[in-house]
């Protein structure tokens, strides 16, 4: 009923920048929090950055000062601007949204399909 589609991943050299985008569509009444997670090979998925509907943000310590999360509530989109990328940022990045679905009670958790980010040294 709700789909999240990411775009903007790719390969970049250390020190470079990438911007990820995620579009939410479907039976959306409202979206609570949105965020970006990442999973590197052999590691658990971890929160990179999150943003509430009111615009409050939080970041993993490892990306503070380098990454910026933002959202466009009117378009149901969330973005992740990634600067000063490091090889350790290499991972599959997933968009996440906590959605109030039209006609349903409660909050539903949705994930995008993931987009690969590769940073070479």
N, C-alpha and C. Protein backbone atom coordinates (compact mmCIF):
# COMPACT_ATOMS: atom_id res chain seq x y z
N UNK A 1 0.81 -1.22 0.00
CA UNK A 1 0.00 0.00 0.00
C UNK A 1 0.84 1.26 0.00
N UNK A 2 2.05 1.16 0.55
CA UNK A 2 2.96 2.29 0.55
C UNK A 2 4.28 1.82 -0.03
N UNK A 3 4.82 2.60 -0.92
CA UNK A 3 6.10 2.27 -1.53
C UNK A 3 7.10 3.39 -1.26
N UNK A 4 8.34 2.97 -1.00
CA UNK A 4 9.44 3.91 -0.86
C UNK A 4 10.46 3.60 -1.96
N UNK A 5 10.83 4.60 -2.72
CA UNK A 5 11.78 4.40 -3.81
C UNK A 5 12.96 5.34 -3.63
N UNK A 6 14.15 4.74 -3.48
CA UNK A 6 15.37 5.54 -3.30
C UNK A 6 16.06 5.78 -4.64
N UNK A 7 16.83 6.83 -4.69
CA UNK A 7 17.67 7.11 -5.85
C UNK A 7 18.87 7.92 -5.39
N UNK A 8 19.90 7.95 -6.22
CA UNK A 8 21.04 8.81 -5.95
C UNK A 8 22.29 8.11 -5.48
N UNK A 9 22.24 6.80 -5.29
CA UNK A 9 23.45 6.09 -4.89
C UNK A 9 24.45 6.03 -6.03
N UNK A 10 25.62 5.50 -5.72
CA UNK A 10 26.64 5.38 -6.76
C UNK A 10 28.01 5.21 -6.15
N UNK A 11 29.02 5.40 -7.00
CA UNK A 11 30.41 5.26 -6.58
C UNK A 11 31.08 6.63 -6.60
N UNK A 12 31.89 6.88 -5.58
CA UNK A 12 32.56 8.17 -5.47
C UNK A 12 33.89 7.96 -4.75
N UNK A 13 34.82 8.83 -4.99
CA UNK A 13 36.10 8.77 -4.28
C UNK A 13 35.97 9.42 -2.91
N UNK A 14 36.83 9.02 -2.03
CA UNK A 14 36.84 9.60 -0.69
C UNK A 14 36.95 11.12 -0.77
N UNK A 15 36.16 11.77 0.06
CA UNK A 15 36.10 13.22 0.04
C UNK A 15 34.99 13.78 -0.82
N UNK A 16 34.40 12.92 -1.63
CA UNK A 16 33.35 13.35 -2.52
C UNK A 16 31.99 13.45 -1.85
N UNK A 17 30.98 13.75 -2.65
CA UNK A 17 29.62 13.95 -2.14
C UNK A 17 28.62 13.16 -2.97
N UNK A 18 27.54 12.78 -2.32
CA UNK A 18 26.38 12.18 -2.98
C UNK A 18 25.12 12.68 -2.29
N UNK A 19 24.04 12.70 -3.03
CA UNK A 19 22.73 13.06 -2.45
C UNK A 19 21.75 11.95 -2.73
N UNK A 20 21.20 11.38 -1.68
CA UNK A 20 20.19 10.35 -1.80
C UNK A 20 18.81 10.97 -1.68
N UNK A 21 17.88 10.43 -2.45
CA UNK A 21 16.48 10.87 -2.38
C UNK A 21 15.60 9.66 -2.17
N UNK A 22 14.48 9.88 -1.50
CA UNK A 22 13.51 8.81 -1.28
C UNK A 22 12.12 9.38 -1.42
N UNK A 23 11.33 8.78 -2.29
CA UNK A 23 9.96 9.22 -2.52
C UNK A 23 9.00 8.18 -1.97
N UNK A 24 8.06 8.63 -1.16
CA UNK A 24 7.03 7.75 -0.62
C UNK A 24 5.73 7.99 -1.38
N UNK A 25 5.05 6.89 -1.70
CA UNK A 25 3.79 7.01 -2.44
C UNK A 25 2.84 5.90 -2.01
N UNK A 26 1.57 6.08 -2.35
CA UNK A 26 0.57 5.07 -2.00
C UNK A 26 -0.49 5.64 -1.09
N UNK A 27 -1.06 4.78 -0.26
CA UNK A 27 -2.17 5.15 0.61
C UNK A 27 -1.66 5.81 1.89
N UNK A 28 -1.12 7.01 1.71
CA UNK A 28 -0.50 7.73 2.82
C UNK A 28 -1.46 8.78 3.37
N UNK A 29 -1.80 8.63 4.64
CA UNK A 29 -2.56 9.69 5.32
C UNK A 29 -1.60 10.74 5.86
N UNK A 30 -0.57 10.26 6.52
CA UNK A 30 0.49 11.14 7.00
C UNK A 30 1.74 10.31 7.27
N UNK A 31 2.86 10.99 7.30
CA UNK A 31 4.13 10.32 7.61
C UNK A 31 4.70 10.93 8.88
N UNK A 32 5.01 10.07 9.82
CA UNK A 32 5.60 10.51 11.08
C UNK A 32 7.09 10.71 10.83
N UNK A 33 7.91 9.86 11.36
CA UNK A 33 9.36 10.00 11.18
C UNK A 33 9.80 9.38 9.85
N UNK A 34 10.85 9.94 9.30
CA UNK A 34 11.52 9.36 8.13
C UNK A 34 13.00 9.28 8.45
N UNK A 35 13.68 8.35 7.81
CA UNK A 35 15.09 8.23 8.12
C UNK A 35 15.84 7.44 7.09
N UNK A 36 17.15 7.45 7.27
CA UNK A 36 18.05 6.67 6.44
C UNK A 36 18.85 5.72 7.33
N UNK A 37 18.92 4.48 6.90
CA UNK A 37 19.71 3.46 7.56
C UNK A 37 20.73 2.94 6.54
N UNK A 38 21.74 2.25 7.04
CA UNK A 38 22.69 1.63 6.13
C UNK A 38 23.14 0.28 6.68
N UNK A 39 23.54 -0.57 5.74
CA UNK A 39 24.04 -1.88 6.13
C UNK A 39 25.24 -2.23 5.28
N UNK A 40 26.37 -2.38 5.93
CA UNK A 40 27.59 -2.79 5.26
C UNK A 40 27.69 -4.31 5.31
N UNK A 41 28.45 -4.91 4.41
CA UNK A 41 28.59 -6.38 4.40
C UNK A 41 29.06 -6.90 5.75
N UNK A 42 28.34 -7.89 6.26
CA UNK A 42 28.72 -8.51 7.52
C UNK A 42 28.37 -7.72 8.76
N UNK A 43 27.67 -6.62 8.58
CA UNK A 43 27.31 -5.77 9.72
C UNK A 43 25.80 -5.63 9.81
N UNK A 44 25.34 -5.22 10.99
CA UNK A 44 23.92 -4.99 11.18
C UNK A 44 23.50 -3.65 10.57
N UNK A 45 22.24 -3.57 10.24
CA UNK A 45 21.70 -2.31 9.73
C UNK A 45 21.73 -1.29 10.86
N UNK A 46 22.14 -0.07 10.55
CA UNK A 46 22.26 0.97 11.56
C UNK A 46 21.59 2.26 11.09
N UNK A 47 21.10 3.02 12.06
CA UNK A 47 20.51 4.32 11.75
C UNK A 47 21.62 5.29 11.38
N UNK A 48 21.43 5.99 10.27
CA UNK A 48 22.35 7.04 9.85
C UNK A 48 21.82 8.40 10.28
N UNK A 49 20.55 8.65 9.95
CA UNK A 49 19.95 9.95 10.27
C UNK A 49 18.45 9.82 10.24
N UNK A 50 17.78 10.60 11.08
CA UNK A 50 16.34 10.59 11.12
C UNK A 50 15.80 12.01 11.20
N UNK A 51 14.55 12.19 10.76
CA UNK A 51 13.90 13.49 10.83
C UNK A 51 12.43 13.28 11.13
N UNK A 52 11.91 14.06 12.07
CA UNK A 52 10.50 13.96 12.43
C UNK A 52 9.67 14.82 11.48
N UNK A 53 8.36 14.70 11.60
CA UNK A 53 7.48 15.52 10.76
C UNK A 53 7.64 16.99 11.08
N UNK A 54 8.07 17.30 12.28
CA UNK A 54 8.29 18.68 12.67
C UNK A 54 9.65 19.22 12.31
N UNK A 55 10.51 18.34 11.78
CA UNK A 55 11.82 18.80 11.33
C UNK A 55 12.97 18.56 12.29
N UNK A 56 12.71 17.94 13.43
CA UNK A 56 13.81 17.61 14.34
C UNK A 56 14.63 16.49 13.75
N UNK A 57 15.94 16.61 13.88
CA UNK A 57 16.84 15.63 13.27
C UNK A 57 17.75 14.98 14.30
N UNK A 58 18.22 13.80 13.97
CA UNK A 58 19.23 13.14 14.77
C UNK A 58 20.16 12.38 13.84
N UNK A 59 21.41 12.22 14.25
CA UNK A 59 22.43 11.62 13.41
C UNK A 59 23.27 10.62 14.19
N UNK A 60 23.77 9.63 13.50
CA UNK A 60 24.79 8.76 14.08
C UNK A 60 26.04 9.59 14.30
N UNK A 61 26.77 9.29 15.35
CA UNK A 61 27.98 10.05 15.65
C UNK A 61 28.96 10.03 14.49
N UNK A 62 28.99 8.92 13.77
CA UNK A 62 29.97 8.74 12.70
C UNK A 62 29.74 9.65 11.50
N UNK A 63 28.53 10.24 11.40
CA UNK A 63 28.23 11.07 10.23
C UNK A 63 27.94 12.52 10.60
N UNK A 64 27.93 12.83 11.88
CA UNK A 64 27.65 14.21 12.30
C UNK A 64 28.65 15.17 11.68
N UNK A 65 28.12 16.27 11.16
CA UNK A 65 28.97 17.27 10.53
C UNK A 65 29.27 17.00 9.08
N UNK A 66 28.94 15.80 8.60
CA UNK A 66 29.21 15.45 7.20
C UNK A 66 27.91 15.21 6.42
N UNK A 67 26.92 14.63 7.07
CA UNK A 67 25.65 14.30 6.41
C UNK A 67 24.55 15.24 6.90
N UNK A 68 23.61 15.53 6.03
CA UNK A 68 22.46 16.34 6.38
C UNK A 68 21.20 15.70 5.85
N UNK A 69 20.24 15.47 6.74
CA UNK A 69 18.95 14.92 6.34
C UNK A 69 17.94 16.04 6.25
N UNK A 70 17.06 15.95 5.26
CA UNK A 70 15.99 16.93 5.12
C UNK A 70 14.78 16.23 4.51
N UNK A 71 13.63 16.86 4.63
CA UNK A 71 12.42 16.27 4.06
C UNK A 71 11.51 17.35 3.50
N UNK A 72 10.71 16.94 2.54
CA UNK A 72 9.70 17.80 1.93
C UNK A 72 8.36 17.14 2.22
N UNK A 73 7.66 17.65 3.23
CA UNK A 73 6.41 17.01 3.64
C UNK A 73 5.35 17.06 2.54
N UNK A 74 5.35 18.12 1.76
CA UNK A 74 4.34 18.26 0.71
C UNK A 74 4.52 17.20 -0.37
N UNK A 75 5.77 16.78 -0.59
CA UNK A 75 6.06 15.80 -1.63
C UNK A 75 6.30 14.40 -1.07
N UNK A 76 6.21 14.25 0.24
CA UNK A 76 6.50 12.95 0.88
C UNK A 76 7.88 12.43 0.49
N UNK A 77 8.86 13.31 0.57
CA UNK A 77 10.22 12.93 0.20
C UNK A 77 11.18 13.23 1.34
N UNK A 78 12.24 12.44 1.38
CA UNK A 78 13.32 12.65 2.33
C UNK A 78 14.63 12.56 1.56
N UNK A 79 15.60 13.36 1.99
CA UNK A 79 16.89 13.45 1.31
C UNK A 79 18.02 13.24 2.30
N UNK A 80 19.14 12.79 1.79
CA UNK A 80 20.35 12.69 2.60
C UNK A 80 21.51 13.25 1.78
N UNK A 81 22.00 14.40 2.19
CA UNK A 81 23.17 14.98 1.56
C UNK A 81 24.40 14.46 2.29
N UNK A 82 25.28 13.81 1.56
CA UNK A 82 26.46 13.19 2.16
C UNK A 82 27.71 13.86 1.60
N UNK A 83 28.43 14.52 2.47
CA UNK A 83 29.68 15.20 2.08
C UNK A 83 30.86 14.54 2.78
N UNK A 84 32.04 14.84 2.28
CA UNK A 84 33.28 14.31 2.88
C UNK A 84 33.18 12.81 3.10
N UNK A 85 32.75 12.12 2.09
CA UNK A 85 32.53 10.68 2.21
C UNK A 85 33.83 9.94 2.47
N UNK A 86 33.71 8.87 3.25
CA UNK A 86 34.85 8.04 3.63
C UNK A 86 34.60 6.60 3.17
N UNK A 87 35.65 5.83 2.97
CA UNK A 87 35.45 4.42 2.57
C UNK A 87 34.54 3.66 3.54
N UNK A 88 34.59 4.01 4.81
CA UNK A 88 33.74 3.32 5.79
C UNK A 88 32.27 3.68 5.68
N UNK A 89 31.94 4.63 4.83
CA UNK A 89 30.54 4.94 4.55
C UNK A 89 29.95 3.99 3.50
N UNK A 90 30.77 3.15 2.92
CA UNK A 90 30.30 2.20 1.92
C UNK A 90 29.29 1.24 2.51
N UNK A 91 28.12 1.18 1.91
CA UNK A 91 27.03 0.35 2.42
C UNK A 91 25.84 0.45 1.47
N UNK A 92 24.85 -0.38 1.71
CA UNK A 92 23.55 -0.19 1.09
C UNK A 92 22.74 0.71 2.02
N UNK A 93 22.21 1.77 1.45
CA UNK A 93 21.45 2.75 2.23
C UNK A 93 19.95 2.54 1.99
N UNK A 94 19.21 2.48 3.09
CA UNK A 94 17.78 2.22 3.03
C UNK A 94 17.00 3.40 3.58
N UNK A 95 15.94 3.74 2.89
CA UNK A 95 15.01 4.76 3.36
C UNK A 95 13.96 4.07 4.24
N UNK A 96 13.55 4.77 5.28
CA UNK A 96 12.53 4.24 6.20
C UNK A 96 11.50 5.31 6.49
N UNK A 97 10.25 4.89 6.58
CA UNK A 97 9.19 5.83 6.93
C UNK A 97 8.18 5.17 7.83
N UNK A 98 7.72 5.90 8.81
CA UNK A 98 6.67 5.44 9.72
C UNK A 98 5.40 6.17 9.31
N UNK A 99 4.44 5.40 8.79
CA UNK A 99 3.33 5.97 8.03
C UNK A 99 2.00 5.67 8.69
N UNK A 100 1.14 6.67 8.72
CA UNK A 100 -0.26 6.44 9.02
C UNK A 100 -0.94 6.17 7.67
N UNK A 101 -1.42 4.95 7.50
CA UNK A 101 -2.01 4.53 6.24
C UNK A 101 -3.47 4.93 6.20
N UNK A 102 -3.91 5.44 5.09
CA UNK A 102 -5.30 5.86 4.91
C UNK A 102 -6.24 4.71 5.22
N UNK A 103 -7.20 4.96 6.14
CA UNK A 103 -8.19 3.95 6.45
C UNK A 103 -7.76 2.93 7.49
N UNK A 104 -6.56 3.06 8.02
CA UNK A 104 -6.07 2.12 9.02
C UNK A 104 -5.63 2.85 10.27
N UNK A 105 -5.71 2.13 11.38
CA UNK A 105 -5.25 2.68 12.64
C UNK A 105 -3.79 2.30 12.85
N UNK A 106 -3.09 3.13 13.58
CA UNK A 106 -1.72 2.78 13.94
C UNK A 106 -0.70 3.31 12.96
N UNK A 107 0.55 2.99 13.30
CA UNK A 107 1.70 3.46 12.54
C UNK A 107 2.35 2.26 11.88
N UNK A 108 2.60 2.33 10.59
CA UNK A 108 3.20 1.23 9.86
C UNK A 108 4.60 1.62 9.43
N UNK A 109 5.49 0.64 9.48
CA UNK A 109 6.90 0.85 9.19
C UNK A 109 7.22 0.33 7.78
N UNK A 110 7.76 1.18 6.93
CA UNK A 110 8.05 0.80 5.55
C UNK A 110 9.53 1.04 5.24
N UNK A 111 10.05 0.20 4.33
CA UNK A 111 11.43 0.29 3.89
C UNK A 111 11.50 0.40 2.37
N UNK A 112 12.50 1.13 1.90
CA UNK A 112 12.81 1.12 0.49
C UNK A 112 13.64 -0.11 0.14
N UNK A 113 13.95 -0.23 -1.14
CA UNK A 113 14.67 -1.41 -1.62
C UNK A 113 16.17 -1.30 -1.41
N UNK A 114 16.65 -0.12 -1.10
CA UNK A 114 18.06 0.09 -0.86
C UNK A 114 18.80 0.61 -2.08
N UNK A 115 19.80 1.41 -1.82
CA UNK A 115 20.65 1.92 -2.90
C UNK A 115 22.11 1.83 -2.45
N UNK A 116 22.96 1.35 -3.34
CA UNK A 116 24.36 1.11 -2.99
C UNK A 116 25.16 2.41 -3.04
N UNK A 117 25.93 2.63 -2.00
CA UNK A 117 26.90 3.73 -1.97
C UNK A 117 28.28 3.11 -1.77
N UNK A 118 29.18 3.40 -2.69
CA UNK A 118 30.53 2.86 -2.61
C UNK A 118 31.53 4.02 -2.63
N UNK A 119 32.39 4.06 -1.62
CA UNK A 119 33.37 5.12 -1.51
C UNK A 119 34.76 4.49 -1.59
N UNK A 120 35.52 4.88 -2.56
CA UNK A 120 36.86 4.32 -2.76
C UNK A 120 37.92 5.27 -2.23
N UNK A 121 39.01 4.67 -1.76
CA UNK A 121 40.08 5.49 -1.17
C UNK A 121 41.08 5.95 -2.22
